């Protein structure tokens, strides 16, 4: 894809993400339970997948609120699947993979739209989590950095996610902190990350 096509694709995905959230009336509904913020690629025009991340900040994450939200979601006709993980009371020493997850509740669902299947991820947690990526770093991206992130995401797309265990934050850190631009450099970056985690 050309640079222009990558940027157009990201813009189209961001526009569709806003439409999907409006159709679901999700933002207005979640505001009853938390102060929320759309984060990551959907907030910063860096979308390569049909994936939206929402952080729902609350002083004390409430499991009863999560149950109410799940009840709302399962009656939405386009919602196909709802997934819940409890990382608030989770014994992290038993599961190395989840040791770096935020302290809180995860709620995700899939919405089937004319544009395809959309993945919506929500984290209910306290604000100022030290494990949360500082997305303000993405506010002043140069056009070259934006294209570099989108190109790496395109190269590592696999199905509905990214191959080699790559996360969106990995692309941001690689481009902004390590000046990585090539697929080979990014693969090496992921290998080093895996060996030190």
N, C-alpha and C. Protein backbone atom coordinates (compact mmCIF):
# COMPACT_ATOMS: atom_id res chain seq x y z
N UNK A 1 0.84 -1.19 0.00
CA UNK A 1 0.00 0.00 0.00
C UNK A 1 0.88 1.25 0.00
N UNK A 2 0.41 2.26 -0.68
CA UNK A 2 1.13 3.53 -0.68
C UNK A 2 0.90 4.24 0.66
N UNK A 3 1.71 5.26 0.92
CA UNK A 3 1.53 6.04 2.14
C UNK A 3 0.13 6.64 2.19
N UNK A 4 -0.32 7.15 1.06
CA UNK A 4 -1.65 7.77 0.99
C UNK A 4 -2.74 6.75 1.29
N UNK A 5 -2.60 5.53 0.77
CA UNK A 5 -3.60 4.48 1.00
C UNK A 5 -3.63 4.06 2.47
N UNK A 6 -2.45 3.99 3.10
CA UNK A 6 -2.39 3.64 4.52
C UNK A 6 -3.12 4.68 5.36
N UNK A 7 -2.89 5.95 5.06
CA UNK A 7 -3.52 7.03 5.82
C UNK A 7 -5.03 7.06 5.57
N UNK A 8 -5.43 6.82 4.33
CA UNK A 8 -6.86 6.79 4.00
C UNK A 8 -7.56 5.63 4.72
N UNK A 9 -6.91 4.47 4.74
CA UNK A 9 -7.48 3.31 5.42
C UNK A 9 -7.66 3.60 6.91
N UNK A 10 -6.64 4.20 7.53
CA UNK A 10 -6.73 4.53 8.95
C UNK A 10 -7.85 5.53 9.22
N UNK A 11 -7.96 6.52 8.35
CA UNK A 11 -9.01 7.53 8.50
C UNK A 11 -10.40 6.90 8.35
N UNK A 12 -10.56 6.02 7.37
CA UNK A 12 -11.85 5.36 7.15
C UNK A 12 -12.23 4.48 8.34
N UNK A 13 -11.25 3.77 8.89
CA UNK A 13 -11.51 2.92 10.06
C UNK A 13 -11.90 3.76 11.27
N UNK A 14 -11.22 4.90 11.44
CA UNK A 14 -11.54 5.77 12.57
C UNK A 14 -12.96 6.34 12.44
N UNK A 15 -13.33 6.73 11.23
CA UNK A 15 -14.68 7.24 10.99
C UNK A 15 -15.73 6.17 11.27
N UNK A 16 -15.46 4.95 10.82
CA UNK A 16 -16.41 3.86 11.03
C UNK A 16 -16.47 3.48 12.51
N UNK A 17 -15.34 3.55 13.21
CA UNK A 17 -15.33 3.26 14.65
C UNK A 17 -16.26 4.22 15.39
N UNK A 18 -16.21 5.49 15.05
CA UNK A 18 -17.09 6.48 15.68
C UNK A 18 -18.55 6.16 15.39
N UNK A 19 -18.83 5.75 14.15
CA UNK A 19 -20.21 5.42 13.79
C UNK A 19 -20.72 4.22 14.58
N UNK A 20 -19.86 3.19 14.70
CA UNK A 20 -20.25 1.98 15.43
C UNK A 20 -20.54 2.31 16.89
N UNK A 21 -19.68 3.10 17.52
CA UNK A 21 -19.88 3.47 18.92
C UNK A 21 -21.17 4.27 19.10
N UNK A 22 -21.47 5.15 18.14
CA UNK A 22 -22.71 5.92 18.21
C UNK A 22 -23.93 5.02 18.05
N UNK A 23 -23.85 4.07 17.11
CA UNK A 23 -24.98 3.15 16.90
C UNK A 23 -25.26 2.34 18.16
N UNK A 24 -24.19 1.91 18.82
CA UNK A 24 -24.34 1.10 20.02
C UNK A 24 -24.73 1.94 21.24
N UNK A 25 -24.62 3.26 21.12
CA UNK A 25 -24.88 4.18 22.24
C UNK A 25 -24.02 3.82 23.44
N UNK A 26 -22.82 3.36 23.15
CA UNK A 26 -21.96 2.82 24.20
C UNK A 26 -21.38 3.92 25.09
N UNK A 27 -20.92 5.01 24.48
CA UNK A 27 -20.24 6.04 25.26
C UNK A 27 -21.18 6.67 26.29
N UNK A 28 -22.36 7.06 25.84
CA UNK A 28 -23.31 7.68 26.77
C UNK A 28 -23.71 6.71 27.88
N UNK A 29 -23.80 5.44 27.54
CA UNK A 29 -24.16 4.43 28.54
C UNK A 29 -23.05 4.24 29.57
N UNK A 30 -21.80 4.15 29.09
CA UNK A 30 -20.68 3.91 30.00
C UNK A 30 -20.41 5.11 30.91
N UNK A 31 -20.79 6.30 30.47
CA UNK A 31 -20.56 7.50 31.29
C UNK A 31 -21.34 7.45 32.60
N UNK A 32 -22.34 6.60 32.68
CA UNK A 32 -23.09 6.45 33.93
C UNK A 32 -22.25 5.74 34.99
N UNK A 33 -21.21 5.03 34.55
CA UNK A 33 -20.43 4.21 35.47
C UNK A 33 -18.99 4.70 35.66
N UNK A 34 -18.52 5.55 34.77
CA UNK A 34 -17.09 5.89 34.83
C UNK A 34 -16.80 7.16 34.03
N UNK A 35 -15.61 7.68 34.25
CA UNK A 35 -15.05 8.69 33.36
C UNK A 35 -14.27 7.92 32.31
N UNK A 36 -14.65 8.07 31.07
CA UNK A 36 -14.04 7.20 30.07
C UNK A 36 -13.24 7.98 29.04
N UNK A 37 -12.37 7.23 28.40
CA UNK A 37 -11.52 7.81 27.37
C UNK A 37 -11.26 6.76 26.30
N UNK A 38 -11.52 7.13 25.05
CA UNK A 38 -11.14 6.27 23.93
C UNK A 38 -9.63 6.45 23.75
N UNK A 39 -8.90 5.36 23.72
CA UNK A 39 -7.44 5.44 23.69
C UNK A 39 -6.90 4.68 22.48
N UNK A 40 -5.58 4.75 22.33
CA UNK A 40 -4.92 3.96 21.29
C UNK A 40 -5.22 4.43 19.88
N UNK A 41 -5.24 3.48 18.98
CA UNK A 41 -5.32 3.79 17.55
C UNK A 41 -6.60 4.50 17.16
N UNK A 42 -7.72 4.18 17.81
CA UNK A 42 -9.00 4.81 17.47
C UNK A 42 -9.01 6.29 17.86
N UNK A 43 -8.20 6.66 18.84
CA UNK A 43 -8.14 8.05 19.28
C UNK A 43 -7.12 8.86 18.49
N UNK A 44 -6.15 8.17 17.89
CA UNK A 44 -5.03 8.87 17.29
C UNK A 44 -4.85 8.64 15.79
N UNK A 45 -5.88 8.10 15.13
CA UNK A 45 -5.80 7.93 13.68
C UNK A 45 -4.76 6.93 13.24
N UNK A 46 -4.56 5.88 14.05
CA UNK A 46 -3.54 4.87 13.74
C UNK A 46 -4.14 3.49 13.58
N UNK A 47 -5.39 3.44 13.11
CA UNK A 47 -6.09 2.16 13.04
C UNK A 47 -5.69 1.34 11.82
N UNK A 48 -5.44 0.07 12.08
CA UNK A 48 -5.21 -0.89 11.01
C UNK A 48 -6.16 -2.07 11.12
N UNK A 49 -6.84 -2.16 12.28
CA UNK A 49 -7.79 -3.24 12.56
C UNK A 49 -9.11 -2.64 13.04
N UNK A 50 -10.15 -3.44 12.99
CA UNK A 50 -11.47 -3.01 13.48
C UNK A 50 -11.53 -3.27 14.98
N UNK A 51 -10.82 -2.45 15.71
CA UNK A 51 -10.57 -2.67 17.13
C UNK A 51 -10.56 -1.32 17.85
N UNK A 52 -11.39 -1.19 18.90
CA UNK A 52 -11.47 0.05 19.67
C UNK A 52 -11.16 -0.25 21.13
N UNK A 53 -10.32 0.58 21.73
CA UNK A 53 -9.95 0.44 23.15
C UNK A 53 -10.52 1.61 23.93
N UNK A 54 -11.21 1.27 25.02
CA UNK A 54 -11.80 2.28 25.89
C UNK A 54 -11.35 2.03 27.32
N UNK A 55 -10.84 3.08 27.97
CA UNK A 55 -10.49 2.98 29.37
C UNK A 55 -11.57 3.68 30.18
N UNK A 56 -12.13 2.96 31.13
CA UNK A 56 -13.23 3.45 31.97
C UNK A 56 -12.67 3.64 33.37
N UNK A 57 -12.42 4.91 33.72
CA UNK A 57 -11.76 5.21 34.99
C UNK A 57 -12.78 5.37 36.11
N UNK A 58 -12.51 4.69 37.21
CA UNK A 58 -13.35 4.79 38.39
C UNK A 58 -12.48 4.56 39.61
N UNK A 59 -12.77 5.26 40.70
CA UNK A 59 -11.94 5.15 41.89
C UNK A 59 -11.93 3.72 42.43
N UNK A 60 -13.09 3.08 42.43
CA UNK A 60 -13.19 1.69 42.88
C UNK A 60 -13.99 0.90 41.85
N UNK A 61 -13.33 0.12 40.99
CA UNK A 61 -14.07 -0.69 40.02
C UNK A 61 -15.10 -1.58 40.70
N UNK A 62 -16.32 -1.53 40.20
CA UNK A 62 -17.44 -2.19 40.86
C UNK A 62 -17.94 -3.35 40.01
N UNK A 63 -17.90 -4.54 40.57
CA UNK A 63 -18.31 -5.73 39.83
C UNK A 63 -19.80 -5.71 39.49
N UNK A 64 -20.62 -5.12 40.35
CA UNK A 64 -22.05 -5.03 40.06
C UNK A 64 -22.32 -4.16 38.84
N UNK A 65 -21.53 -3.10 38.67
CA UNK A 65 -21.66 -2.27 37.47
C UNK A 65 -21.33 -3.07 36.22
N UNK A 66 -20.31 -3.90 36.30
CA UNK A 66 -19.92 -4.73 35.15
C UNK A 66 -21.07 -5.66 34.77
N UNK A 67 -21.72 -6.24 35.75
CA UNK A 67 -22.85 -7.14 35.49
C UNK A 67 -23.97 -6.39 34.76
N UNK A 68 -24.24 -5.15 35.19
CA UNK A 68 -25.27 -4.35 34.52
C UNK A 68 -24.90 -4.05 33.08
N UNK A 69 -23.63 -3.75 32.85
CA UNK A 69 -23.16 -3.46 31.49
C UNK A 69 -23.27 -4.70 30.61
N UNK A 70 -22.91 -5.85 31.15
CA UNK A 70 -23.03 -7.10 30.39
C UNK A 70 -24.49 -7.35 30.02
N UNK A 71 -25.40 -7.12 30.96
CA UNK A 71 -26.83 -7.31 30.68
C UNK A 71 -27.30 -6.39 29.55
N UNK A 72 -26.77 -5.18 29.53
CA UNK A 72 -27.12 -4.25 28.45
C UNK A 72 -26.59 -4.76 27.11
N UNK A 73 -25.34 -5.21 27.10
CA UNK A 73 -24.69 -5.63 25.86
C UNK A 73 -25.37 -6.84 25.22
N UNK A 74 -25.77 -7.81 26.03
CA UNK A 74 -26.28 -9.06 25.45
C UNK A 74 -27.64 -8.88 24.78
N UNK A 75 -28.30 -7.74 25.01
CA UNK A 75 -29.57 -7.49 24.35
C UNK A 75 -29.43 -6.61 23.10
N UNK A 76 -28.20 -6.23 22.76
CA UNK A 76 -27.97 -5.47 21.54
C UNK A 76 -27.89 -6.47 20.38
N UNK A 77 -28.73 -6.34 19.37
CA UNK A 77 -28.80 -7.36 18.30
C UNK A 77 -27.48 -7.62 17.58
N UNK A 78 -26.62 -6.60 17.43
CA UNK A 78 -25.38 -6.81 16.68
C UNK A 78 -24.26 -7.42 17.52
N UNK A 79 -24.48 -7.54 18.83
CA UNK A 79 -23.43 -8.08 19.70
C UNK A 79 -23.46 -9.60 19.65
N UNK A 80 -22.33 -10.17 19.24
CA UNK A 80 -22.25 -11.61 19.04
C UNK A 80 -21.66 -12.33 20.26
N UNK A 81 -20.69 -11.68 20.92
CA UNK A 81 -19.98 -12.34 22.01
C UNK A 81 -19.56 -11.30 23.04
N UNK A 82 -19.64 -11.67 24.31
CA UNK A 82 -19.18 -10.81 25.41
C UNK A 82 -18.19 -11.60 26.25
N UNK A 83 -17.08 -10.96 26.59
CA UNK A 83 -16.01 -11.64 27.33
C UNK A 83 -15.62 -10.81 28.55
N UNK A 84 -15.49 -11.45 29.70
CA UNK A 84 -15.14 -10.77 30.95
C UNK A 84 -13.92 -11.43 31.58
N UNK A 85 -12.98 -10.61 32.06
CA UNK A 85 -11.84 -11.10 32.84
C UNK A 85 -11.72 -10.28 34.12
N UNK A 86 -11.49 -10.96 35.22
CA UNK A 86 -11.31 -10.30 36.50
C UNK A 86 -9.82 -10.20 36.81
N UNK A 87 -9.24 -9.03 36.62
CA UNK A 87 -7.85 -8.80 37.00
C UNK A 87 -7.76 -7.92 38.24
N UNK A 88 -8.90 -7.73 38.90
CA UNK A 88 -8.94 -6.95 40.14
C UNK A 88 -8.50 -7.82 41.32
N UNK A 89 -9.04 -9.02 41.39
CA UNK A 89 -8.69 -9.94 42.49
C UNK A 89 -7.85 -11.12 42.01
N UNK A 90 -7.26 -10.99 40.83
CA UNK A 90 -6.57 -12.11 40.19
C UNK A 90 -5.22 -12.40 40.85
N UNK A 91 -4.92 -13.70 41.09
CA UNK A 91 -3.63 -14.10 41.62
C UNK A 91 -2.61 -14.09 40.49
N UNK A 92 -1.87 -12.98 40.35
CA UNK A 92 -0.99 -12.80 39.21
C UNK A 92 0.23 -13.73 39.25
N UNK A 93 0.58 -14.20 40.44
CA UNK A 93 1.75 -15.06 40.52
C UNK A 93 1.51 -16.42 39.86
N UNK A 94 0.25 -16.75 39.58
CA UNK A 94 -0.06 -18.02 38.93
C UNK A 94 -0.04 -17.92 37.40
N UNK A 95 -0.02 -16.73 36.88
CA UNK A 95 -0.14 -16.56 35.43
C UNK A 95 0.81 -15.46 34.96
N UNK A 96 1.94 -15.85 34.41
CA UNK A 96 2.96 -14.89 33.99
C UNK A 96 2.45 -13.94 32.92
N UNK A 97 1.58 -14.44 32.03
CA UNK A 97 1.10 -13.62 30.92
C UNK A 97 0.34 -12.40 31.43
N UNK A 98 -0.43 -12.55 32.48
CA UNK A 98 -1.29 -11.47 32.95
C UNK A 98 -0.66 -10.59 34.02
N UNK A 99 0.61 -10.82 34.34
CA UNK A 99 1.22 -10.05 35.41
C UNK A 99 1.30 -8.56 35.07
N UNK A 100 1.37 -8.23 33.80
CA UNK A 100 1.48 -6.83 33.39
C UNK A 100 0.13 -6.19 33.05
N UNK A 101 -0.95 -6.93 33.18
CA UNK A 101 -2.27 -6.36 32.90
C UNK A 101 -2.64 -5.36 34.00
N UNK A 102 -3.47 -4.39 33.66
CA UNK A 102 -3.91 -3.42 34.68
C UNK A 102 -4.69 -4.11 35.79
N UNK A 103 -4.69 -3.48 36.95
CA UNK A 103 -5.49 -3.95 38.08
C UNK A 103 -6.91 -3.44 37.86
N UNK A 104 -7.81 -4.32 37.49
CA UNK A 104 -9.18 -3.90 37.21
C UNK A 104 -9.96 -5.00 36.52
N UNK A 105 -11.05 -4.60 35.89
CA UNK A 105 -11.92 -5.54 35.18
C UNK A 105 -11.83 -5.28 33.68
N UNK A 106 -11.71 -6.36 32.92
CA UNK A 106 -11.72 -6.26 31.46
C UNK A 106 -13.07 -6.76 30.95
N UNK A 107 -13.64 -6.00 30.03
CA UNK A 107 -14.88 -6.41 29.38
C UNK A 107 -14.74 -6.14 27.89
N UNK A 108 -14.90 -7.18 27.08
CA UNK A 108 -14.77 -7.02 25.64
C UNK A 108 -15.95 -7.67 24.94
N UNK A 109 -16.25 -7.16 23.76
CA UNK A 109 -17.33 -7.78 22.99
C UNK A 109 -17.09 -7.60 21.50
N UNK A 110 -17.83 -8.36 20.72
CA UNK A 110 -17.76 -8.29 19.26
C UNK A 110 -19.11 -7.82 18.73
N UNK A 111 -19.08 -6.87 17.84
CA UNK A 111 -20.30 -6.36 17.21
C UNK A 111 -20.20 -6.60 15.71
N UNK A 112 -21.19 -7.31 15.17
CA UNK A 112 -21.20 -7.60 13.74
C UNK A 112 -21.88 -6.44 13.00
N UNK A 113 -21.11 -5.80 12.15
CA UNK A 113 -21.56 -4.63 11.41
C UNK A 113 -21.47 -4.90 9.91
N UNK A 114 -22.12 -4.08 9.08
CA UNK A 114 -21.95 -4.23 7.62
C UNK A 114 -20.48 -4.14 7.20
N UNK A 115 -19.68 -3.41 7.99
CA UNK A 115 -18.26 -3.27 7.67
C UNK A 115 -17.42 -4.41 8.23
N UNK A 116 -18.06 -5.36 8.89
CA UNK A 116 -17.33 -6.50 9.42
C UNK A 116 -17.48 -6.61 10.93
N UNK A 117 -16.67 -7.48 11.52
CA UNK A 117 -16.73 -7.70 12.97
C UNK A 117 -15.83 -6.70 13.69
N UNK A 118 -16.42 -5.98 14.63
CA UNK A 118 -15.68 -5.00 15.41
C UNK A 118 -15.43 -5.52 16.81
N UNK A 119 -14.19 -5.34 17.26
CA UNK A 119 -13.77 -5.76 18.60
C UNK A 119 -13.69 -4.51 19.48
N UNK A 120 -14.44 -4.51 20.56
CA UNK A 120 -14.44 -3.39 21.49
C UNK A 120 -13.90 -3.87 22.83
N UNK A 121 -12.80 -3.28 23.29
CA UNK A 121 -12.17 -3.65 24.55
C UNK A 121 -12.35 -2.53 25.56
N UNK A 122 -12.78 -2.88 26.77
CA UNK A 122 -12.98 -1.89 27.83
C UNK A 122 -12.24 -2.34 29.09
N UNK A 123 -11.50 -1.43 29.69
CA UNK A 123 -10.84 -1.68 30.97
C UNK A 123 -11.45 -0.77 32.01
N UNK A 124 -11.92 -1.35 33.10
CA UNK A 124 -12.48 -0.60 34.22
C UNK A 124 -11.43 -0.61 35.33
N UNK A 125 -10.88 0.56 35.62
CA UNK A 125 -9.74 0.62 36.53
C UNK A 125 -9.57 2.04 37.05
N UNK A 126 -8.61 2.19 37.97
CA UNK A 126 -8.28 3.52 38.47
C UNK A 126 -7.48 4.28 37.42
N UNK A 127 -7.57 5.60 37.49
CA UNK A 127 -6.78 6.43 36.58
C UNK A 127 -5.33 6.45 37.05
N UNK A 128 -4.45 6.90 36.16
CA UNK A 128 -3.01 7.01 36.46
C UNK A 128 -2.38 5.67 36.80
N UNK A 129 -2.76 4.65 36.05
CA UNK A 129 -2.15 3.33 36.19
C UNK A 129 -0.73 3.40 35.61
N UNK A 130 0.31 3.07 36.38
CA UNK A 130 1.68 3.15 35.87
C UNK A 130 1.95 2.21 34.69
N UNK A 131 1.11 1.19 34.53
CA UNK A 131 1.30 0.25 33.42
C UNK A 131 0.62 0.73 32.14
N UNK A 132 -0.10 1.83 32.22
CA UNK A 132 -0.81 2.33 31.04
C UNK A 132 0.13 3.16 30.19
N UNK A 133 0.12 2.92 28.88
CA UNK A 133 0.98 3.66 27.96
C UNK A 133 0.55 5.12 27.90
N UNK A 134 1.50 6.02 27.96
CA UNK A 134 1.21 7.45 27.91
C UNK A 134 0.87 7.84 26.47
N UNK A 135 -0.43 7.85 26.17
CA UNK A 135 -0.86 8.09 24.79
C UNK A 135 -0.66 9.54 24.35
N UNK A 136 -0.31 10.44 25.28
CA UNK A 136 -0.04 11.82 24.88
C UNK A 136 1.17 11.90 23.95
N UNK A 137 2.00 10.86 23.98
CA UNK A 137 3.16 10.81 23.08
C UNK A 137 2.73 10.72 21.61
N UNK A 138 1.48 10.31 21.40
CA UNK A 138 0.99 10.16 20.02
C UNK A 138 0.32 11.44 19.50
N UNK A 139 0.22 12.45 20.35
CA UNK A 139 -0.49 13.67 19.95
C UNK A 139 0.29 14.52 18.96
N UNK A 140 1.60 14.37 18.94
CA UNK A 140 2.42 15.23 18.08
C UNK A 140 3.24 14.41 17.08
N UNK A 141 2.65 13.34 16.58
CA UNK A 141 3.34 12.52 15.59
C UNK A 141 3.59 13.30 14.31
N UNK A 142 4.75 13.09 13.73
CA UNK A 142 4.99 13.62 12.38
C UNK A 142 4.27 12.72 11.38
N UNK A 143 4.06 13.20 10.19
CA UNK A 143 3.42 12.38 9.17
C UNK A 143 4.25 11.14 8.87
N UNK A 144 5.58 11.30 8.90
CA UNK A 144 6.48 10.18 8.63
C UNK A 144 6.34 9.11 9.71
N UNK A 145 6.25 9.51 10.97
CA UNK A 145 6.08 8.55 12.07
C UNK A 145 4.74 7.85 11.97
N UNK A 146 3.70 8.59 11.63
CA UNK A 146 2.37 8.01 11.50
C UNK A 146 2.36 6.92 10.42
N UNK A 147 2.95 7.24 9.28
CA UNK A 147 3.02 6.27 8.18
C UNK A 147 3.86 5.07 8.58
N UNK A 148 4.96 5.30 9.29
CA UNK A 148 5.84 4.20 9.71
C UNK A 148 5.08 3.23 10.63
N UNK A 149 4.30 3.77 11.57
CA UNK A 149 3.51 2.92 12.46
C UNK A 149 2.47 2.13 11.68
N UNK A 150 1.77 2.82 10.78
CA UNK A 150 0.73 2.15 9.99
C UNK A 150 1.31 1.09 9.07
N UNK A 151 2.48 1.36 8.51
CA UNK A 151 3.09 0.38 7.61
C UNK A 151 3.51 -0.88 8.37
N UNK A 152 4.11 -0.71 9.56
CA UNK A 152 4.48 -1.86 10.37
C UNK A 152 3.25 -2.65 10.80
N UNK A 153 2.20 -1.94 11.17
CA UNK A 153 0.96 -2.63 11.54
C UNK A 153 0.43 -3.44 10.36
N UNK A 154 0.49 -2.86 9.17
CA UNK A 154 0.00 -3.55 7.97
C UNK A 154 0.84 -4.81 7.71
N UNK A 155 2.15 -4.69 7.89
CA UNK A 155 3.04 -5.82 7.64
C UNK A 155 2.84 -6.95 8.65
N UNK A 156 2.40 -6.60 9.85
CA UNK A 156 2.25 -7.61 10.90
C UNK A 156 0.80 -8.02 11.14
N UNK A 157 -0.12 -7.52 10.30
CA UNK A 157 -1.51 -7.95 10.44
C UNK A 157 -1.64 -9.44 10.18
N UNK A 158 -2.41 -10.11 11.02
CA UNK A 158 -2.66 -11.54 10.83
C UNK A 158 -4.06 -11.83 11.36
N UNK A 159 -4.97 -12.11 10.46
CA UNK A 159 -6.35 -12.33 10.87
C UNK A 159 -6.92 -11.07 11.49
N UNK A 160 -7.42 -11.20 12.72
CA UNK A 160 -8.01 -10.06 13.41
C UNK A 160 -7.04 -9.43 14.41
N UNK A 161 -5.78 -9.81 14.33
CA UNK A 161 -4.78 -9.26 15.25
C UNK A 161 -3.44 -9.09 14.56
N UNK A 162 -2.38 -9.11 15.37
CA UNK A 162 -1.02 -8.97 14.84
C UNK A 162 -0.23 -10.22 15.15
N UNK A 163 0.65 -10.61 14.24
CA UNK A 163 1.45 -11.81 14.43
C UNK A 163 2.61 -11.56 15.39
N UNK A 164 3.20 -12.64 15.83
CA UNK A 164 4.37 -12.63 16.71
C UNK A 164 4.08 -11.98 18.06
N UNK A 165 2.80 -11.96 18.45
CA UNK A 165 2.44 -11.41 19.75
C UNK A 165 2.54 -9.90 19.86
N UNK A 166 2.62 -9.22 18.73
CA UNK A 166 2.76 -7.76 18.75
C UNK A 166 1.47 -7.10 19.25
N UNK A 167 1.64 -6.07 20.06
CA UNK A 167 0.54 -5.25 20.53
C UNK A 167 0.67 -3.86 19.91
N UNK A 168 -0.42 -3.11 19.88
CA UNK A 168 -0.36 -1.77 19.29
C UNK A 168 0.72 -0.93 19.95
N UNK A 169 0.85 -1.03 21.26
CA UNK A 169 1.84 -0.22 21.97
C UNK A 169 3.26 -0.56 21.52
N UNK A 170 3.49 -1.79 21.07
CA UNK A 170 4.81 -2.17 20.58
C UNK A 170 5.18 -1.35 19.34
N UNK A 171 4.22 -1.13 18.46
CA UNK A 171 4.49 -0.33 17.26
C UNK A 171 4.84 1.10 17.64
N UNK A 172 4.10 1.65 18.60
CA UNK A 172 4.34 3.03 19.02
C UNK A 172 5.73 3.17 19.63
N UNK A 173 6.07 2.27 20.56
CA UNK A 173 7.37 2.34 21.22
C UNK A 173 8.51 2.13 20.24
N UNK A 174 8.33 1.18 19.32
CA UNK A 174 9.40 0.87 18.37
C UNK A 174 9.71 2.07 17.48
N UNK A 175 8.67 2.71 16.97
CA UNK A 175 8.87 3.83 16.05
C UNK A 175 9.33 5.08 16.79
N UNK A 176 8.70 5.39 17.93
CA UNK A 176 9.00 6.65 18.62
C UNK A 176 10.24 6.59 19.49
N UNK A 177 10.48 5.44 20.12
CA UNK A 177 11.60 5.36 21.06
C UNK A 177 12.84 4.71 20.47
N UNK A 178 12.65 3.83 19.47
CA UNK A 178 13.79 3.10 18.89
C UNK A 178 14.07 3.47 17.44
N UNK A 179 13.24 4.36 16.88
CA UNK A 179 13.39 4.79 15.48
C UNK A 179 13.38 3.62 14.50
N UNK A 180 12.61 2.59 14.83
CA UNK A 180 12.50 1.41 13.97
C UNK A 180 11.57 1.72 12.80
N UNK A 181 11.97 1.25 11.63
CA UNK A 181 11.18 1.50 10.43
C UNK A 181 10.93 0.24 9.60
N UNK A 182 11.77 -0.76 9.70
CA UNK A 182 11.66 -1.93 8.83
C UNK A 182 11.02 -3.11 9.56
N UNK A 183 10.46 -4.01 8.75
CA UNK A 183 9.84 -5.23 9.28
C UNK A 183 10.87 -6.07 10.03
N UNK A 184 12.10 -6.14 9.51
CA UNK A 184 13.15 -6.93 10.14
C UNK A 184 13.53 -6.35 11.50
N UNK A 185 13.66 -5.03 11.56
CA UNK A 185 14.01 -4.39 12.83
C UNK A 185 12.91 -4.60 13.87
N UNK A 186 11.68 -4.54 13.42
CA UNK A 186 10.57 -4.71 14.35
C UNK A 186 10.52 -6.15 14.87
N UNK A 187 10.77 -7.12 14.00
CA UNK A 187 10.82 -8.53 14.44
C UNK A 187 11.90 -8.73 15.50
N UNK A 188 13.04 -8.09 15.29
CA UNK A 188 14.14 -8.18 16.27
C UNK A 188 13.72 -7.51 17.59
N UNK A 189 13.02 -6.40 17.48
CA UNK A 189 12.52 -5.70 18.67
C UNK A 189 11.59 -6.61 19.48
N UNK A 190 10.68 -7.31 18.79
CA UNK A 190 9.75 -8.21 19.47
C UNK A 190 10.48 -9.38 20.12
N UNK A 191 11.51 -9.88 19.44
CA UNK A 191 12.29 -11.00 20.00
C UNK A 191 12.99 -10.60 21.28
N UNK A 192 13.55 -9.41 21.28
CA UNK A 192 14.25 -8.91 22.48
C UNK A 192 13.26 -8.69 23.61
N UNK A 193 12.10 -8.16 23.26
CA UNK A 193 11.07 -7.93 24.27
C UNK A 193 10.63 -9.26 24.90
N UNK A 194 10.44 -10.29 24.07
CA UNK A 194 10.01 -11.60 24.57
C UNK A 194 11.07 -12.23 25.48
N UNK A 195 12.32 -12.03 25.16
CA UNK A 195 13.40 -12.65 25.93
C UNK A 195 13.63 -11.97 27.27
N UNK A 196 13.15 -10.74 27.42
CA UNK A 196 13.35 -10.03 28.69
C UNK A 196 12.09 -9.98 29.56
N UNK A 197 10.97 -10.50 29.02
CA UNK A 197 9.73 -10.44 29.80
C UNK A 197 9.55 -11.71 30.64
